[in-house]
Amino acid sequence: MLLLNGDYDWSTAVENAEHTSAYLKTGHLLEIHGGTHCTDTDEMPDLLPGAFEQAYAFVDADFSHSSPQKFFSTLPDSVAYPALAFEAPAGPSLYEQWLARRRSR
C-alpha cells in the first residue's frame, strides 16, 4: 500500500497516515509538504512531476518478480512543494468594500 498525504490536508490529518503506515509491513508513506487533500490529482503532476511519476508507477508495478519493499526503497519519505507566492491585493480590502456597501445603504 502506498499512502500519499499532504501535511496541509485539513480533512485527513497526516498523523492518521503516519499512524497507519507504522502497521503496514508492505507499505510506504509519501508525505507531501505543502500538499492538500487532493495532492495526487490536482497539484502533484505540475509541481512535483518526478514524484508523481514514481507514485503512479506503483499502480502499474508488477510485484510477481520483485517485492514492494524494493520498489518503496526508491521512493523518498517526503517531498515538498515550492513555497507559495502571495501578491498583495490591489484596491480596497474586503473589509473596506464591506464598509463602503454598508455606508451606501
N, C-alpha and C. Protein backbone atom coordinates (compact mmCIF):
# COMPACT_ATOMS: atom_id res chain seq x y z
N MET A 1 0.84 -1.16 0.00
CA MET A 1 0.00 0.00 0.00
C MET A 1 0.90 1.24 0.00
N LEU A 2 0.56 2.16 -0.85
CA LEU A 2 1.25 3.45 -0.91
C LEU A 2 0.29 4.52 -0.41
N LEU A 3 0.70 5.22 0.63
CA LEU A 3 -0.10 6.31 1.18
C LEU A 3 0.51 7.63 0.74
N LEU A 4 -0.30 8.50 0.16
CA LEU A 4 0.10 9.87 -0.16
C LEU A 4 -0.71 10.77 0.76
N ASN A 5 -0.05 11.65 1.47
CA ASN A 5 -0.78 12.53 2.37
C ASN A 5 -0.09 13.88 2.44
N GLY A 6 -0.87 14.92 2.21
CA GLY A 6 -0.36 16.27 2.34
C GLY A 6 -0.42 16.74 3.78
N ASP A 7 0.58 17.51 4.20
CA ASP A 7 0.56 17.99 5.58
C ASP A 7 -0.34 19.22 5.75
N TYR A 8 -0.94 19.71 4.65
CA TYR A 8 -1.95 20.78 4.73
C TYR A 8 -3.35 20.21 4.50
N ASP A 9 -3.50 18.91 4.67
CA ASP A 9 -4.79 18.26 4.50
C ASP A 9 -5.62 18.47 5.76
N TRP A 10 -6.65 19.30 5.68
CA TRP A 10 -7.49 19.57 6.84
C TRP A 10 -8.60 18.55 6.96
N SER A 11 -8.75 17.68 5.98
CA SER A 11 -9.79 16.67 6.01
C SER A 11 -9.28 15.38 6.66
N THR A 12 -8.08 14.98 6.31
CA THR A 12 -7.46 13.77 6.86
C THR A 12 -6.06 14.14 7.32
N ALA A 13 -5.88 14.24 8.60
CA ALA A 13 -4.60 14.68 9.15
C ALA A 13 -3.47 13.72 8.79
N VAL A 14 -2.30 14.28 8.52
CA VAL A 14 -1.14 13.47 8.15
C VAL A 14 -0.78 12.49 9.28
N GLU A 15 -1.12 12.85 10.51
CA GLU A 15 -0.86 11.94 11.63
C GLU A 15 -1.60 10.62 11.48
N ASN A 16 -2.78 10.65 10.83
CA ASN A 16 -3.51 9.40 10.58
C ASN A 16 -2.69 8.48 9.69
N ALA A 17 -2.12 9.03 8.63
CA ALA A 17 -1.31 8.22 7.71
C ALA A 17 -0.03 7.75 8.39
N GLU A 18 0.58 8.60 9.22
CA GLU A 18 1.79 8.20 9.94
C GLU A 18 1.49 7.02 10.87
N HIS A 19 0.37 7.10 11.56
CA HIS A 19 -0.03 6.03 12.47
C HIS A 19 -0.30 4.73 11.69
N THR A 20 -1.05 4.85 10.60
CA THR A 20 -1.38 3.67 9.79
C THR A 20 -0.14 3.04 9.18
N SER A 21 0.76 3.84 8.65
CA SER A 21 1.94 3.30 7.98
C SER A 21 2.84 2.51 8.93
N ALA A 22 2.79 2.83 10.20
CA ALA A 22 3.60 2.10 11.17
C ALA A 22 3.19 0.62 11.27
N TYR A 23 1.97 0.31 10.86
CA TYR A 23 1.47 -1.06 10.95
C TYR A 23 1.47 -1.80 9.61
N LEU A 24 1.93 -1.16 8.57
CA LEU A 24 1.94 -1.80 7.25
C LEU A 24 3.30 -2.45 7.00
N LYS A 25 3.28 -3.76 6.83
CA LYS A 25 4.54 -4.46 6.55
C LYS A 25 5.02 -4.19 5.14
N THR A 26 4.10 -4.05 4.22
CA THR A 26 4.46 -3.76 2.83
C THR A 26 3.79 -2.46 2.40
N GLY A 27 4.12 -1.40 3.10
CA GLY A 27 3.54 -0.11 2.79
C GLY A 27 4.57 1.00 2.88
N HIS A 28 4.18 2.15 2.37
CA HIS A 28 5.07 3.30 2.38
C HIS A 28 4.23 4.57 2.42
N LEU A 29 4.66 5.53 3.24
CA LEU A 29 4.01 6.82 3.32
C LEU A 29 4.89 7.84 2.60
N LEU A 30 4.31 8.52 1.64
CA LEU A 30 4.97 9.63 0.96
C LEU A 30 4.26 10.90 1.42
N GLU A 31 4.92 11.65 2.31
CA GLU A 31 4.33 12.87 2.85
C GLU A 31 4.65 14.03 1.92
N ILE A 32 3.61 14.76 1.55
CA ILE A 32 3.75 15.89 0.64
C ILE A 32 3.68 17.18 1.47
N HIS A 33 4.84 17.79 1.73
CA HIS A 33 4.86 19.04 2.49
C HIS A 33 4.26 20.16 1.63
N GLY A 34 3.25 20.79 2.16
CA GLY A 34 2.53 21.82 1.42
C GLY A 34 1.38 21.25 0.61
N GLY A 35 1.15 19.94 0.69
CA GLY A 35 0.08 19.30 -0.07
C GLY A 35 -1.24 19.31 0.68
N THR A 36 -2.31 19.28 -0.08
CA THR A 36 -3.66 19.29 0.50
C THR A 36 -4.28 17.91 0.37
N HIS A 37 -5.59 17.83 0.51
CA HIS A 37 -6.31 16.55 0.46
C HIS A 37 -6.25 15.92 -0.92
N CYS A 38 -6.26 16.70 -1.97
CA CYS A 38 -6.26 16.17 -3.34
C CYS A 38 -4.89 16.29 -3.99
N THR A 39 -3.87 16.11 -3.20
CA THR A 39 -2.50 16.27 -3.67
C THR A 39 -2.21 15.45 -4.91
N ASP A 40 -2.61 14.19 -4.92
CA ASP A 40 -2.23 13.31 -6.02
C ASP A 40 -2.85 13.69 -7.35
N THR A 41 -4.04 14.28 -7.34
CA THR A 41 -4.71 14.54 -8.61
C THR A 41 -4.66 15.99 -9.07
N ASP A 42 -4.59 16.93 -8.13
CA ASP A 42 -4.68 18.33 -8.51
C ASP A 42 -3.34 19.04 -8.66
N GLU A 43 -2.46 18.86 -7.70
CA GLU A 43 -1.25 19.66 -7.63
C GLU A 43 0.01 18.92 -8.04
N MET A 44 0.11 17.69 -7.68
CA MET A 44 1.36 16.96 -7.82
C MET A 44 1.88 16.84 -9.25
N PRO A 45 1.05 16.58 -10.26
CA PRO A 45 1.59 16.42 -11.61
C PRO A 45 2.36 17.65 -12.10
N ASP A 46 1.88 18.84 -11.79
CA ASP A 46 2.53 20.05 -12.27
C ASP A 46 3.70 20.47 -11.40
N LEU A 47 3.56 20.36 -10.08
CA LEU A 47 4.56 20.89 -9.17
C LEU A 47 5.67 19.91 -8.80
N LEU A 48 5.36 18.62 -8.83
CA LEU A 48 6.35 17.59 -8.49
C LEU A 48 6.26 16.44 -9.50
N PRO A 49 6.57 16.70 -10.77
CA PRO A 49 6.36 15.66 -11.77
C PRO A 49 7.14 14.37 -11.51
N GLY A 50 8.36 14.46 -11.03
CA GLY A 50 9.14 13.24 -10.77
C GLY A 50 8.51 12.38 -9.70
N ALA A 51 8.09 12.99 -8.60
CA ALA A 51 7.45 12.24 -7.52
C ALA A 51 6.11 11.69 -7.97
N PHE A 52 5.39 12.46 -8.78
CA PHE A 52 4.09 12.00 -9.29
C PHE A 52 4.29 10.74 -10.14
N GLU A 53 5.27 10.77 -11.04
CA GLU A 53 5.52 9.61 -11.90
C GLU A 53 5.94 8.39 -11.08
N GLN A 54 6.76 8.60 -10.05
CA GLN A 54 7.17 7.49 -9.19
C GLN A 54 5.97 6.91 -8.44
N ALA A 55 5.12 7.77 -7.92
CA ALA A 55 3.96 7.30 -7.18
C ALA A 55 3.01 6.51 -8.08
N TYR A 56 2.79 7.00 -9.28
CA TYR A 56 1.89 6.30 -10.18
C TYR A 56 2.52 5.07 -10.81
N ALA A 57 3.84 4.97 -10.78
CA ALA A 57 4.50 3.74 -11.23
C ALA A 57 4.13 2.58 -10.31
N PHE A 58 3.82 2.89 -9.06
CA PHE A 58 3.39 1.87 -8.11
C PHE A 58 2.11 1.19 -8.59
N VAL A 59 1.20 1.95 -9.16
CA VAL A 59 -0.07 1.40 -9.64
C VAL A 59 0.18 0.37 -10.73
N ASP A 60 1.16 0.62 -11.58
CA ASP A 60 1.45 -0.28 -12.70
C ASP A 60 2.51 -1.33 -12.39
N ALA A 61 3.07 -1.31 -11.20
CA ALA A 61 4.18 -2.21 -10.87
C ALA A 61 3.72 -3.68 -10.85
N ASP A 62 4.60 -4.53 -11.30
CA ASP A 62 4.37 -5.98 -11.28
C ASP A 62 5.21 -6.57 -10.15
N PHE A 63 4.57 -6.89 -9.05
CA PHE A 63 5.29 -7.39 -7.89
C PHE A 63 5.41 -8.91 -7.89
N SER A 64 5.12 -9.55 -9.00
CA SER A 64 5.29 -11.00 -9.07
C SER A 64 6.77 -11.37 -9.19
N HIS A 65 7.60 -10.41 -9.62
CA HIS A 65 9.03 -10.69 -9.80
C HIS A 65 9.92 -9.87 -8.87
N SER A 66 9.34 -8.93 -8.15
CA SER A 66 10.11 -8.14 -7.18
C SER A 66 9.18 -7.75 -6.03
N SER A 67 9.77 -7.36 -4.94
CA SER A 67 8.96 -7.05 -3.75
C SER A 67 8.56 -5.58 -3.72
N PRO A 68 7.44 -5.30 -3.08
CA PRO A 68 7.06 -3.90 -2.89
C PRO A 68 8.12 -3.12 -2.11
N GLN A 69 8.77 -3.78 -1.14
CA GLN A 69 9.79 -3.10 -0.34
C GLN A 69 10.92 -2.59 -1.22
N LYS A 70 11.29 -3.37 -2.23
CA LYS A 70 12.35 -2.93 -3.15
C LYS A 70 11.89 -1.69 -3.91
N PHE A 71 10.65 -1.70 -4.35
CA PHE A 71 10.10 -0.53 -5.05
C PHE A 71 10.06 0.67 -4.11
N PHE A 72 9.57 0.46 -2.89
CA PHE A 72 9.45 1.56 -1.94
C PHE A 72 10.81 2.15 -1.56
N SER A 73 11.85 1.35 -1.64
CA SER A 73 13.19 1.88 -1.31
C SER A 73 13.64 2.93 -2.31
N THR A 74 12.99 3.00 -3.47
CA THR A 74 13.32 4.02 -4.47
C THR A 74 12.54 5.30 -4.26
N LEU A 75 11.54 5.28 -3.38
CA LEU A 75 10.71 6.46 -3.12
C LEU A 75 11.24 7.24 -1.93
N PRO A 76 11.15 8.54 -1.99
CA PRO A 76 11.50 9.33 -0.80
C PRO A 76 10.42 9.19 0.26
N ASP A 77 10.75 9.56 1.48
CA ASP A 77 9.75 9.58 2.55
C ASP A 77 8.88 10.83 2.46
N SER A 78 9.46 11.89 1.90
CA SER A 78 8.70 13.13 1.78
C SER A 78 9.25 13.96 0.62
N VAL A 79 8.38 14.79 0.10
CA VAL A 79 8.73 15.78 -0.93
C VAL A 79 8.04 17.07 -0.53
N ALA A 80 8.49 18.19 -1.09
CA ALA A 80 7.91 19.47 -0.71
C ALA A 80 7.57 20.29 -1.94
N TYR A 81 6.39 20.87 -1.91
CA TYR A 81 6.01 21.81 -2.95
C TYR A 81 6.82 23.09 -2.78
N PRO A 82 7.01 23.83 -3.85
CA PRO A 82 7.66 25.14 -3.71
C PRO A 82 6.83 26.04 -2.79
N ALA A 83 7.50 26.97 -2.14
CA ALA A 83 6.79 27.90 -1.25
C ALA A 83 5.77 28.69 -2.05
N LEU A 84 4.65 28.95 -1.42
CA LEU A 84 3.59 29.72 -2.06
C LEU A 84 4.03 31.17 -2.22
N ALA A 85 3.69 31.74 -3.33
CA ALA A 85 3.97 33.16 -3.56
C ALA A 85 2.67 33.93 -3.44
N PHE A 86 2.68 34.95 -2.66
CA PHE A 86 1.49 35.77 -2.46
C PHE A 86 1.72 37.15 -3.03
N GLU A 87 0.69 37.70 -3.61
CA GLU A 87 0.74 39.08 -4.09
C GLU A 87 -0.23 39.90 -3.27
N ALA A 88 0.19 41.10 -2.94
CA ALA A 88 -0.71 41.99 -2.20
C ALA A 88 -1.86 42.38 -3.11
N PRO A 89 -3.08 42.31 -2.61
CA PRO A 89 -4.22 42.68 -3.45
C PRO A 89 -4.21 44.17 -3.76
N ALA A 90 -4.65 44.51 -4.93
CA ALA A 90 -4.76 45.91 -5.32
C ALA A 90 -6.16 46.40 -4.98
N GLY A 91 -6.27 47.63 -4.61
CA GLY A 91 -7.59 48.18 -4.33
C GLY A 91 -7.99 47.98 -2.88
N PRO A 92 -9.22 48.30 -2.58
CA PRO A 92 -9.69 48.20 -1.20
C PRO A 92 -9.79 46.74 -0.74
N SER A 93 -9.54 46.54 0.56
CA SER A 93 -9.66 45.20 1.13
C SER A 93 -11.12 44.77 1.16
N LEU A 94 -11.38 43.51 1.43
CA LEU A 94 -12.75 43.03 1.54
C LEU A 94 -13.49 43.77 2.66
N TYR A 95 -12.78 44.03 3.73
CA TYR A 95 -13.41 44.76 4.84
C TYR A 95 -13.77 46.18 4.40
N GLU A 96 -12.87 46.84 3.70
CA GLU A 96 -13.16 48.20 3.22
C GLU A 96 -14.33 48.19 2.23
N GLN A 97 -14.42 47.17 1.40
CA GLN A 97 -15.54 47.05 0.47
C GLN A 97 -16.85 46.86 1.23
N TRP A 98 -16.81 46.03 2.25
CA TRP A 98 -18.00 45.80 3.08
C TRP A 98 -18.45 47.09 3.75
N LEU A 99 -17.47 47.84 4.32
CA LEU A 99 -17.81 49.12 4.96
C LEU A 99 -18.44 50.09 3.97
N ALA A 100 -17.90 50.18 2.77
CA ALA A 100 -18.42 51.09 1.76
C ALA A 100 -19.86 50.71 1.40
N ARG A 101 -20.15 49.40 1.26
CA ARG A 101 -21.52 48.97 0.95
C ARG A 101 -22.46 49.32 2.10
N ARG A 102 -22.00 49.16 3.30
CA ARG A 102 -22.83 49.47 4.48
C ARG A 102 -23.14 50.96 4.56
N ARG A 103 -22.15 51.76 4.27
CA ARG A 103 -22.34 53.22 4.33
C ARG A 103 -23.25 53.71 3.24
N SER A 104 -23.26 53.02 2.12
CA SER A 104 -24.08 53.48 0.99
C SER A 104 -25.56 53.11 1.15
N ARG A 105 -25.90 52.37 2.14
CA ARG A 105 -27.31 51.96 2.36
C ARG A 105 -28.12 53.04 2.96
